[in-house]
């Protein structure tokens, strides 16, 4: 592969991953009803609005889910995969790519929760009760997942073990759902964000 192709792949992967991450964060912010006055939320909203607002006119929400942003994330993943394959000199196996894009979006969702939990756990040791906008936003995204588990956990003397349970659940979903889907669809390693 030529150096220009390698640079092209690097740029496509980087830009595609960042755009996909921002769109998925927009979906999650809407899902958990996060603080949209947070400066990071404002950036995400302003970045995604040019494409998302017209898309929402065509695709309405469903039961509180922002279907338009979920579809946009899927399309970004699909286009990124197509661009990577074209630059690498491969054909476009559309049937496989449709599944690859779904696996990529699910993988990114799990990674957001996984890395968000790591950030929250480390920050609780280093800077508990921090008012950093990023930490507030991460907590708002994670809280609907962590709260029900925390409520069922026995009192451990002020130590919150619920993140460990969430880590385990993420790994179980990855083993039982994500990996079989990736194997079934013959997902090439490194092609999809997060795998």
C-alpha atoms as a PDB file:
ATOM      1  CA  UNK A   1       0.000   0.000   0.000  1.00  0.00           C
ATOM      2  CA  UNK A   2       1.357   3.407  -0.953  1.00  0.00           C
ATOM      3  CA  UNK A   3       2.159   6.090   1.634  1.00  0.00           C
ATOM      4  CA  UNK A   4      -0.679   8.229   0.184  1.00  0.00           C
ATOM      5  CA  UNK A   5      -3.147   5.401   0.720  1.00  0.00           C
ATOM      6  CA  UNK A   6      -1.909   5.002   4.287  1.00  0.00           C
ATOM      7  CA  UNK A   7      -2.362   8.730   4.925  1.00  0.00           C
ATOM      8  CA  UNK A   8      -5.818   8.548   3.355  1.00  0.00           C
ATOM      9  CA  UNK A   9      -6.775   5.628   5.587  1.00  0.00           C
ATOM     10  CA  UNK A  10      -5.470   7.451   8.645  1.00  0.00           C
ATOM     11  CA  UNK A  11      -7.466  10.587   7.827  1.00  0.00           C
ATOM     12  CA  UNK A  12     -10.662   8.687   6.970  1.00  0.00           C
ATOM     13  CA  UNK A  13     -10.432   6.591  10.131  1.00  0.00           C
ATOM     14  CA  UNK A  14      -9.704   9.597  12.357  1.00  0.00           C
ATOM     15  CA  UNK A  15     -12.367  11.906  10.913  1.00  0.00           C
ATOM     16  CA  UNK A  16     -14.938   9.109  10.692  1.00  0.00           C
ATOM     17  CA  UNK A  17     -14.301   8.034  14.289  1.00  0.00           C
ATOM     18  CA  UNK A  18     -14.562  11.581  15.650  1.00  0.00           C
ATOM     19  CA  UNK A  19     -17.766  12.341  13.736  1.00  0.00           C
ATOM     20  CA  UNK A  20     -19.260   9.004  14.762  1.00  0.00           C
ATOM     21  CA  UNK A  21     -18.351   9.630  18.413  1.00  0.00           C
ATOM     22  CA  UNK A  22     -19.957  13.084  18.385  1.00  0.00           C
ATOM     23  CA  UNK A  23     -23.152  11.788  16.771  1.00  0.00           C
ATOM     24  CA  UNK A  24     -23.389   8.903  19.258  1.00  0.00           C
ATOM     25  CA  UNK A  25     -22.823  11.312  22.136  1.00  0.00           C
ATOM     26  CA  UNK A  26     -25.640  13.457  20.752  1.00  0.00           C
ATOM     27  CA  UNK A  27     -27.911  10.389  20.785  1.00  0.00           C
ATOM     28  CA  UNK A  28     -26.914   9.544  24.363  1.00  0.00           C
ATOM     29  CA  UNK A  29     -27.293  13.138  25.571  1.00  0.00           C
ATOM     30  CA  UNK A  30     -30.818  13.203  24.178  1.00  0.00           C
ATOM     31  CA  UNK A  31     -31.560   9.751  25.622  1.00  0.00           C
ATOM     32  CA  UNK A  32     -30.549  10.646  29.196  1.00  0.00           C
ATOM     33  CA  UNK A  33     -31.820  14.227  28.957  1.00  0.00           C
ATOM     34  CA  UNK A  34     -28.393  15.597  29.842  1.00  0.00           C
ATOM     35  CA  UNK A  35     -27.695  19.246  30.561  1.00  0.00           C
ATOM     36  CA  UNK A  36     -27.665  20.898  27.142  1.00  0.00           C
ATOM     37  CA  UNK A  37     -26.240  24.101  28.652  1.00  0.00           C
ATOM     38  CA  UNK A  38     -23.003  22.273  29.427  1.00  0.00           C
ATOM     39  CA  UNK A  39     -20.302  23.734  27.110  1.00  0.00           C
ATOM     40  CA  UNK A  40     -19.420  20.281  25.787  1.00  0.00           C
ATOM     41  CA  UNK A  41     -23.083  19.565  25.059  1.00  0.00           C
ATOM     42  CA  UNK A  42     -23.318  22.884  23.256  1.00  0.00           C
ATOM     43  CA  UNK A  43     -20.333  21.954  21.068  1.00  0.00           C
ATOM     44  CA  UNK A  44     -21.851  18.546  20.244  1.00  0.00           C
ATOM     45  CA  UNK A  45     -25.234  20.115  19.416  1.00  0.00           C
ATOM     46  CA  UNK A  46     -23.702  22.803  17.187  1.00  0.00           C
ATOM     47  CA  UNK A  47     -21.518  20.248  15.419  1.00  0.00           C
ATOM     48  CA  UNK A  48     -24.351  17.796  14.710  1.00  0.00           C
ATOM     49  CA  UNK A  49     -27.254  20.209  14.080  1.00  0.00           C
ATOM     50  CA  UNK A  50     -26.488  21.026  10.411  1.00  0.00           C
ATOM     51  CA  UNK A  51     -27.165  17.429   9.391  1.00  0.00           C
ATOM     52  CA  UNK A  52     -29.422  16.320  12.240  1.00  0.00           C
ATOM     53  CA  UNK A  53     -32.053  19.082  12.095  1.00  0.00           C
ATOM     54  CA  UNK A  54     -33.007  18.402   8.435  1.00  0.00           C
ATOM     55  CA  UNK A  55     -32.880  14.655   9.098  1.00  0.00           C
ATOM     56  CA  UNK A  56     -35.295  15.015  12.017  1.00  0.00           C
ATOM     57  CA  UNK A  57     -37.871  16.573   9.680  1.00  0.00           C
ATOM     58  CA  UNK A  58     -37.898  13.290   7.763  1.00  0.00           C
ATOM     59  CA  UNK A  59     -37.340  10.836  10.638  1.00  0.00           C
ATOM     60  CA  UNK A  60     -39.292  11.589  13.814  1.00  0.00           C
ATOM     61  CA  UNK A  61     -38.329  10.359  17.270  1.00  0.00           C
ATOM     62  CA  UNK A  62     -39.886   7.221  18.678  1.00  0.00           C
ATOM     63  CA  UNK A  63     -40.803   6.919  22.352  1.00  0.00           C
ATOM     64  CA  UNK A  64     -38.159   9.420  23.488  1.00  0.00           C
ATOM     65  CA  UNK A  65     -35.458   7.903  21.268  1.00  0.00           C
ATOM     66  CA  UNK A  66     -33.752  10.216  18.810  1.00  0.00           C
ATOM     67  CA  UNK A  67     -33.958   7.840  15.840  1.00  0.00           C
ATOM     68  CA  UNK A  68     -32.504  10.460  13.474  1.00  0.00           C
ATOM     69  CA  UNK A  69     -29.196  10.692  15.368  1.00  0.00           C
ATOM     70  CA  UNK A  70     -29.013   6.903  15.669  1.00  0.00           C
ATOM     71  CA  UNK A  71     -29.555   6.579  11.913  1.00  0.00           C
ATOM     72  CA  UNK A  72     -26.989   9.314  11.280  1.00  0.00           C
ATOM     73  CA  UNK A  73     -24.441   7.422  13.413  1.00  0.00           C
ATOM     74  CA  UNK A  74     -25.164   4.280  11.410  1.00  0.00           C
ATOM     75  CA  UNK A  75     -24.738   6.163   8.101  1.00  0.00           C
ATOM     76  CA  UNK A  76     -21.472   7.749   9.265  1.00  0.00           C
ATOM     77  CA  UNK A  77     -20.143   4.302  10.194  1.00  0.00           C
ATOM     78  CA  UNK A  78     -21.300   2.852   6.864  1.00  0.00           C
ATOM     79  CA  UNK A  79     -19.712   5.674   4.831  1.00  0.00           C
ATOM     80  CA  UNK A  80     -16.481   5.414   6.834  1.00  0.00           C
ATOM     81  CA  UNK A  81     -16.287   1.681   6.149  1.00  0.00           C
ATOM     82  CA  UNK A  82     -16.981   2.265   2.429  1.00  0.00           C
ATOM     83  CA  UNK A  83     -14.301   4.966   2.205  1.00  0.00           C
ATOM     84  CA  UNK A  84     -11.744   2.779   3.997  1.00  0.00           C
ATOM     85  CA  UNK A  85     -12.433  -0.156   1.688  1.00  0.00           C
ATOM     86  CA  UNK A  86     -12.208   2.002  -1.441  1.00  0.00           C
ATOM     87  CA  UNK A  87      -8.945   3.649  -0.406  1.00  0.00           C
ATOM     88  CA  UNK A  88      -7.507   0.243   0.542  1.00  0.00           C
ATOM     89  CA  UNK A  89      -8.400  -0.998  -2.952  1.00  0.00           C
ATOM     90  CA  UNK A  90     -11.169  -3.449  -2.043  1.00  0.00           C
ATOM     91  CA  UNK A  91     -14.674  -3.811  -3.399  1.00  0.00           C
ATOM     92  CA  UNK A  92     -17.775  -2.857  -1.441  1.00  0.00           C
ATOM     93  CA  UNK A  93     -19.555  -5.947  -0.089  1.00  0.00           C
ATOM     94  CA  UNK A  94     -22.775  -4.066   0.749  1.00  0.00           C
ATOM     95  CA  UNK A  95     -24.515  -7.003   2.453  1.00  0.00           C
ATOM     96  CA  UNK A  96     -21.603  -7.401   4.877  1.00  0.00           C
ATOM     97  CA  UNK A  97     -21.121  -3.654   5.285  1.00  0.00           C
ATOM     98  CA  UNK A  98     -24.705  -3.230   6.506  1.00  0.00           C
ATOM     99  CA  UNK A  99     -23.978  -5.622   9.376  1.00  0.00           C
ATOM    100  CA  UNK A 100     -20.467  -4.205   9.924  1.00  0.00           C
ATOM    101  CA  UNK A 101     -21.910  -0.724  10.431  1.00  0.00           C
ATOM    102  CA  UNK A 102     -24.425  -1.995  13.008  1.00  0.00           C
ATOM    103  CA  UNK A 103     -21.657  -3.856  14.849  1.00  0.00           C
ATOM    104  CA  UNK A 104     -19.519  -0.705  14.760  1.00  0.00           C
ATOM    105  CA  UNK A 105     -22.253   1.492  16.254  1.00  0.00           C
ATOM    106  CA  UNK A 106     -22.977  -1.035  19.018  1.00  0.00           C
ATOM    107  CA  UNK A 107     -19.252  -1.399  19.685  1.00  0.00           C
ATOM    108  CA  UNK A 108     -18.869   2.362  20.012  1.00  0.00           C
ATOM    109  CA  UNK A 109     -21.829   2.543  22.406  1.00  0.00           C
ATOM    110  CA  UNK A 110     -20.228  -0.079  24.657  1.00  0.00           C
ATOM    111  CA  UNK A 111     -16.870   1.715  24.446  1.00  0.00           C
ATOM    112  CA  UNK A 112     -18.420   5.025  25.464  1.00  0.00           C
ATOM    113  CA  UNK A 113     -19.816   3.408  28.605  1.00  0.00           C
ATOM    114  CA  UNK A 114     -16.621   1.431  29.282  1.00  0.00           C
ATOM    115  CA  UNK A 115     -14.251   4.401  28.998  1.00  0.00           C
ATOM    116  CA  UNK A 116     -16.761   6.719  30.683  1.00  0.00           C
ATOM    117  CA  UNK A 117     -16.788   4.407  33.699  1.00  0.00           C
ATOM    118  CA  UNK A 118     -12.995   4.337  33.800  1.00  0.00           C
ATOM    119  CA  UNK A 119     -12.866   8.145  33.730  1.00  0.00           C
ATOM    120  CA  UNK A 120     -15.488   8.420  36.488  1.00  0.00           C
ATOM    121  CA  UNK A 121     -13.793   5.834  38.719  1.00  0.00           C
ATOM    122  CA  UNK A 122     -10.358   7.448  38.365  1.00  0.00           C
ATOM    123  CA  UNK A 123     -11.746  10.958  38.857  1.00  0.00           C
ATOM    124  CA  UNK A 124     -13.582   9.828  42.010  1.00  0.00           C
ATOM    125  CA  UNK A 125     -10.178   8.927  43.479  1.00  0.00           C
ATOM    126  CA  UNK A 126      -8.301  11.971  42.211  1.00  0.00           C
ATOM    127  CA  UNK A 127     -10.894  14.761  42.263  1.00  0.00           C
ATOM    128  CA  UNK A 128     -14.103  13.694  44.017  1.00  0.00           C
ATOM    129  CA  UNK A 129     -17.023  16.115  43.697  1.00  0.00           C
ATOM    130  CA  UNK A 130     -15.382  17.838  40.733  1.00  0.00           C
ATOM    131  CA  UNK A 131     -17.467  20.318  38.762  1.00  0.00           C
ATOM    132  CA  UNK A 132     -15.587  19.766  35.516  1.00  0.00           C
ATOM    133  CA  UNK A 133     -18.102  19.978  32.610  1.00  0.00           C
ATOM    134  CA  UNK A 134     -16.767  16.773  31.018  1.00  0.00           C
ATOM    135  CA  UNK A 135     -17.114  14.792  34.258  1.00  0.00           C
ATOM    136  CA  UNK A 136     -20.614  16.144  34.845  1.00  0.00           C
ATOM    137  CA  UNK A 137     -21.627  15.091  31.329  1.00  0.00           C
ATOM    138  CA  UNK A 138     -20.076  11.632  31.659  1.00  0.00           C
ATOM    139  CA  UNK A 139     -21.885  11.137  34.972  1.00  0.00           C
ATOM    140  CA  UNK A 140     -25.178  12.185  33.387  1.00  0.00           C
ATOM    141  CA  UNK A 141     -24.701   9.652  30.581  1.00  0.00           C
ATOM    142  CA  UNK A 142     -23.687   6.834  32.948  1.00  0.00           C
ATOM    143  CA  UNK A 143     -26.137   7.441  35.788  1.00  0.00           C
ATOM    144  CA  UNK A 144     -29.223   5.780  34.193  1.00  0.00           C
ATOM    145  CA  UNK A 145     -27.183   2.595  33.735  1.00  0.00           C
ATOM    146  CA  UNK A 146     -25.364   2.638  37.073  1.00  0.00           C
ATOM    147  CA  UNK A 147     -28.240   3.825  39.320  1.00  0.00           C
ATOM    148  CA  UNK A 148     -30.432   0.668  39.115  1.00  0.00           C
ATOM    149  CA  UNK A 149     -27.436  -1.544  39.864  1.00  0.00           C
ATOM    150  CA  UNK A 150     -26.312   0.691  42.725  1.00  0.00           C
ATOM    151  CA  UNK A 151     -29.821   0.545  44.211  1.00  0.00           C
ATOM    152  CA  UNK A 152     -29.704  -3.274  44.344  1.00  0.00           C
ATOM    153  CA  UNK A 153     -26.189  -3.503  45.781  1.00  0.00           C
ATOM    154  CA  UNK A 154     -25.786  -4.029  49.539  1.00  0.00           C
ATOM    155  CA  UNK A 155     -24.216  -1.213  51.548  1.00  0.00           C
ATOM    156  CA  UNK A 156     -20.450  -1.665  51.355  1.00  0.00           C
ATOM    157  CA  UNK A 157     -19.453   1.088  53.775  1.00  0.00           C
ATOM    158  CA  UNK A 158     -19.283   3.925  51.272  1.00  0.00           C
ATOM    159  CA  UNK A 159     -17.524   1.948  48.522  1.00  0.00           C
ATOM    160  CA  UNK A 160     -19.495   1.860  45.273  1.00  0.00           C
ATOM    161  CA  UNK A 161     -19.001  -1.462  43.500  1.00  0.00           C
ATOM    162  CA  UNK A 162     -21.670  -0.846  40.851  1.00  0.00           C
ATOM    163  CA  UNK A 163     -19.108   0.206  38.188  1.00  0.00           C
ATOM    164  CA  UNK A 164     -17.551  -3.273  38.457  1.00  0.00           C
ATOM    165  CA  UNK A 165     -20.948  -4.840  37.717  1.00  0.00           C
ATOM    166  CA  UNK A 166     -21.419  -2.515  34.730  1.00  0.00           C
ATOM    167  CA  UNK A 167     -17.911  -3.427  33.461  1.00  0.00           C
ATOM    168  CA  UNK A 168     -18.870  -7.098  33.690  1.00  0.00           C
ATOM    169  CA  UNK A 169     -22.177  -6.495  31.878  1.00  0.00           C
ATOM    170  CA  UNK A 170     -20.375  -4.646  29.083  1.00  0.00           C
ATOM    171  CA  UNK A 171     -17.966  -7.565  28.697  1.00  0.00           C
ATOM    172  CA  UNK A 172     -20.865 -10.061  28.685  1.00  0.00           C
ATOM    173  CA  UNK A 173     -22.688  -8.115  25.940  1.00  0.00           C
ATOM    174  CA  UNK A 174     -19.461  -7.959  23.961  1.00  0.00           C
ATOM    175  CA  UNK A 175     -18.879 -11.729  24.305  1.00  0.00           C
ATOM    176  CA  UNK A 176     -22.485 -12.851  23.727  1.00  0.00           C
ATOM    177  CA  UNK A 177     -23.637 -10.312  21.125  1.00  0.00           C
ATOM    178  CA  UNK A 178     -20.875  -8.262  19.547  1.00  0.00           C
ATOM    179  CA  UNK A 179     -18.216 -10.899  18.865  1.00  0.00           C
ATOM    180  CA  UNK A 180     -20.646 -13.464  17.369  1.00  0.00           C
ATOM    181  CA  UNK A 181     -22.079 -10.741  15.111  1.00  0.00           C
ATOM    182  CA  UNK A 182     -18.576  -9.712  14.043  1.00  0.00           C
ATOM    183  CA  UNK A 183     -17.602 -13.324  13.330  1.00  0.00           C
ATOM    184  CA  UNK A 184     -20.868 -14.017  11.492  1.00  0.00           C
ATOM    185  CA  UNK A 185     -20.421 -10.955   9.269  1.00  0.00           C
ATOM    186  CA  UNK A 186     -16.660 -11.545   8.810  1.00  0.00           C
ATOM    187  CA  UNK A 187     -15.746  -8.108  10.185  1.00  0.00           C
ATOM    188  CA  UNK A 188     -12.097  -7.348   9.351  1.00  0.00           C
ATOM    189  CA  UNK A 189     -10.061  -6.411  12.428  1.00  0.00           C
ATOM    190  CA  UNK A 190      -9.532  -2.698  12.881  1.00  0.00           C
ATOM    191  CA  UNK A 191     -12.111  -1.764  10.242  1.00  0.00           C
ATOM    192  CA  UNK A 192     -14.793  -0.756  12.706  1.00  0.00           C
ATOM    193  CA  UNK A 193     -14.329   1.866  15.396  1.00  0.00           C
ATOM    194  CA  UNK A 194     -13.900   0.086  18.711  1.00  0.00           C
ATOM    195  CA  UNK A 195     -13.197  -3.455  17.500  1.00  0.00           C
END
